[in-house]
């Protein structure tokens, strides 16, 4: 058998090209499966704590008040009184009565009035607005935190009365 003729044949070249195309298609399919499984895992982890973290405690369902009312949660931030300030974690009592965990990183910008402050300057009973992104554990990874003056007493009472209902 003449291997030189076989190596130069069009049939062998076509066969090798077809195998290469099939291998590339398999790799692309496999990459899609990996990406899809990572997305599904993230969704599953985020969904586990979603209602606890973002305050949708209502049993009304999507049409009865969930998606079409003020009960729709905002996963990108929290605003309210700081209940706990320890290291890089804050717990903020949000306006809907839930407690939201806010993670502070080295990249988080923290402002009080016009002054930039550090996480160590944040105290319990301060009022704050934290803006960031939710992570898979139901926490908010803060990008920006603004420390606010306390609201007037009449607003505190009306907010606490609404949260109790």
Protein backbone atom coordinates (compact mmCIF):
# COMPACT_ATOMS: atom_id res chain seq x y z
CA UNK A 1 0.00 0.00 0.00
CA UNK A 2 1.31 3.42 -0.93
CA UNK A 3 0.88 5.77 2.10
CA UNK A 4 2.06 8.80 0.15
CA UNK A 5 -0.90 8.46 -2.25
CA UNK A 6 -3.34 8.00 0.64
CA UNK A 7 -1.95 11.05 2.51
CA UNK A 8 -2.43 13.22 -0.60
CA UNK A 9 -5.90 11.92 -1.47
CA UNK A 10 -8.88 14.26 -1.45
CA UNK A 11 -10.96 11.75 0.50
CA UNK A 12 -8.53 11.77 3.45
CA UNK A 13 -8.38 15.58 3.45
CA UNK A 14 -12.19 15.81 3.39
CA UNK A 15 -12.47 13.24 6.18
CA UNK A 16 -9.99 15.13 8.36
CA UNK A 17 -11.79 18.43 7.65
CA UNK A 18 -15.16 16.86 8.55
CA UNK A 19 -13.74 15.48 11.81
CA UNK A 20 -12.26 18.93 12.61
CA UNK A 21 -15.59 20.65 11.97
CA UNK A 22 -17.43 18.12 14.14
CA UNK A 23 -14.86 18.57 16.94
CA UNK A 24 -15.25 22.37 16.78
CA UNK A 25 -19.06 22.06 16.83
CA UNK A 26 -18.82 19.75 19.87
CA UNK A 27 -16.53 22.20 21.71
CA UNK A 28 -18.90 25.11 21.01
CA UNK A 29 -21.88 23.04 22.21
CA UNK A 30 -19.96 22.01 25.33
CA UNK A 31 -19.03 25.64 26.09
CA UNK A 32 -22.71 26.58 25.80
CA UNK A 33 -23.65 23.83 28.22
CA UNK A 34 -21.05 25.04 30.75
CA UNK A 35 -22.25 28.65 30.52
CA UNK A 36 -25.88 27.54 30.83
CA UNK A 37 -25.18 25.46 33.91
CA UNK A 38 -23.37 28.37 35.59
CA UNK A 39 -26.32 30.67 34.87
CA UNK A 40 -28.75 28.10 36.24
CA UNK A 41 -26.66 27.64 39.38
CA UNK A 42 -26.54 31.41 39.97
CA UNK A 43 -30.31 31.70 39.48
CA UNK A 44 -30.94 28.85 41.88
CA UNK A 45 -28.71 30.38 44.55
CA UNK A 46 -30.19 33.86 44.10
CA UNK A 47 -33.74 32.51 44.19
CA UNK A 48 -33.18 30.65 47.44
CA UNK A 49 -32.97 33.87 49.51
CA UNK A 50 -34.77 36.31 47.19
CA UNK A 51 -37.99 36.76 49.14
CA UNK A 52 -36.26 36.99 52.50
CA UNK A 53 -33.67 39.44 51.26
CA UNK A 54 -35.80 41.68 49.10
CA UNK A 55 -38.97 41.87 51.13
CA UNK A 56 -41.70 40.23 49.07
CA UNK A 57 -43.41 38.52 52.01
CA UNK A 58 -46.89 38.87 50.56
CA UNK A 59 -48.88 35.75 49.79
CA UNK A 60 -50.92 37.65 47.19
CA UNK A 61 -49.01 36.35 44.19
CA UNK A 62 -47.86 38.19 41.09
CA UNK A 63 -51.27 39.51 40.00
CA UNK A 64 -52.60 40.21 43.48
CA UNK A 65 -50.03 42.80 44.42
CA UNK A 66 -46.55 41.47 43.72
CA UNK A 67 -45.49 42.70 40.30
CA UNK A 68 -48.03 45.48 39.82
CA UNK A 69 -47.82 47.35 43.08
CA UNK A 70 -45.38 49.02 45.40
CA UNK A 71 -44.46 45.59 46.78
CA UNK A 72 -42.07 45.01 43.90
CA UNK A 73 -38.68 44.77 45.51
CA UNK A 74 -35.64 46.75 44.52
CA UNK A 75 -32.68 44.41 44.50
CA UNK A 76 -30.20 47.15 43.73
CA UNK A 77 -30.26 49.07 46.96
CA UNK A 78 -31.53 49.77 50.43
CA UNK A 79 -32.54 52.90 52.30
CA UNK A 80 -33.22 53.27 55.99
CA UNK A 81 -31.80 53.09 59.47
CA UNK A 82 -28.58 51.19 60.06
CA UNK A 83 -29.25 48.42 62.58
CA UNK A 84 -25.80 46.85 62.57
CA UNK A 85 -22.42 48.15 61.41
CA UNK A 86 -19.61 45.66 61.80
CA UNK A 87 -16.50 45.68 59.64
CA UNK A 88 -17.49 45.39 56.02
CA UNK A 89 -21.15 44.46 56.69
CA UNK A 90 -24.13 46.69 57.33
CA UNK A 91 -27.70 45.72 58.11
CA UNK A 92 -30.20 48.36 57.00
CA UNK A 93 -33.90 48.38 57.98
CA UNK A 94 -35.46 49.11 54.60
CA UNK A 95 -38.70 51.07 54.15
CA UNK A 96 -40.69 47.86 53.61
CA UNK A 97 -39.71 46.50 57.02
CA UNK A 98 -37.06 44.04 55.81
CA UNK A 99 -33.49 43.94 56.98
CA UNK A 100 -31.03 44.05 54.10
CA UNK A 101 -27.40 43.05 54.38
CA UNK A 102 -25.06 45.45 52.60
CA UNK A 103 -21.47 44.45 51.86
CA UNK A 104 -18.89 47.25 51.83
CA UNK A 105 -15.69 46.72 49.81
CA UNK A 106 -12.57 48.78 49.25
CA UNK A 107 -14.18 50.10 46.04
CA UNK A 108 -17.34 51.32 47.80
CA UNK A 109 -17.64 55.10 47.88
CA UNK A 110 -19.10 56.31 51.19
CA UNK A 111 -20.20 59.93 51.54
CA UNK A 112 -21.59 62.00 54.37
CA UNK A 113 -22.62 65.39 53.03
CA UNK A 114 -19.72 66.38 50.77
CA UNK A 115 -17.15 64.43 52.72
CA UNK A 116 -15.85 60.96 51.80
CA UNK A 117 -15.69 58.75 54.88
CA UNK A 118 -14.59 55.18 55.64
CA UNK A 119 -16.70 52.19 56.65
CA UNK A 120 -15.38 52.56 60.21
CA UNK A 121 -17.15 55.96 60.44
CA UNK A 122 -20.60 54.41 59.89
CA UNK A 123 -22.53 54.04 63.15
CA UNK A 124 -25.64 52.20 64.28
CA UNK A 125 -28.75 54.46 64.16
CA UNK A 126 -27.34 56.43 61.20
CA UNK A 127 -29.59 56.65 58.15
CA UNK A 128 -28.20 55.57 54.81
CA UNK A 129 -28.94 54.84 51.19
CA UNK A 130 -26.88 52.03 49.68
CA UNK A 131 -26.77 51.40 45.94
CA UNK A 132 -25.19 48.30 44.44
CA UNK A 133 -25.84 44.88 42.98
CA UNK A 134 -27.45 41.84 44.57
CA UNK A 135 -25.29 38.75 44.85
CA UNK A 136 -26.29 35.11 44.92
CA UNK A 137 -26.72 35.14 48.71
CA UNK A 138 -29.35 37.90 48.74
CA UNK A 139 -26.89 40.55 49.92
CA UNK A 140 -26.24 43.90 48.28
CA UNK A 141 -22.67 44.53 47.17
CA UNK A 142 -22.56 48.30 47.63
CA UNK A 143 -20.94 50.60 45.10
CA UNK A 144 -22.11 53.80 46.78
CA UNK A 145 -23.40 54.60 50.26
CA UNK A 146 -24.74 57.99 51.32
CA UNK A 147 -25.11 58.71 55.04
CA UNK A 148 -28.15 60.94 55.56
CA UNK A 149 -29.41 63.11 58.39
CA UNK A 150 -32.19 61.44 60.38
CA UNK A 151 -35.70 62.05 59.02
CA UNK A 152 -38.13 64.27 60.96
CA UNK A 153 -39.96 62.50 63.80
CA UNK A 154 -43.32 62.55 61.99
CA UNK A 155 -41.79 60.62 59.08
CA UNK A 156 -40.22 58.07 61.43
CA UNK A 157 -43.60 57.38 63.05
CA UNK A 158 -45.51 57.06 59.76
CA UNK A 159 -42.88 54.75 58.32
CA UNK A 160 -42.84 52.47 61.36
CA UNK A 161 -46.68 52.39 61.38
CA UNK A 162 -46.78 51.42 57.69
CA UNK A 163 -44.14 48.72 58.19
CA UNK A 164 -46.11 47.20 61.08
CA UNK A 165 -49.24 46.81 58.89
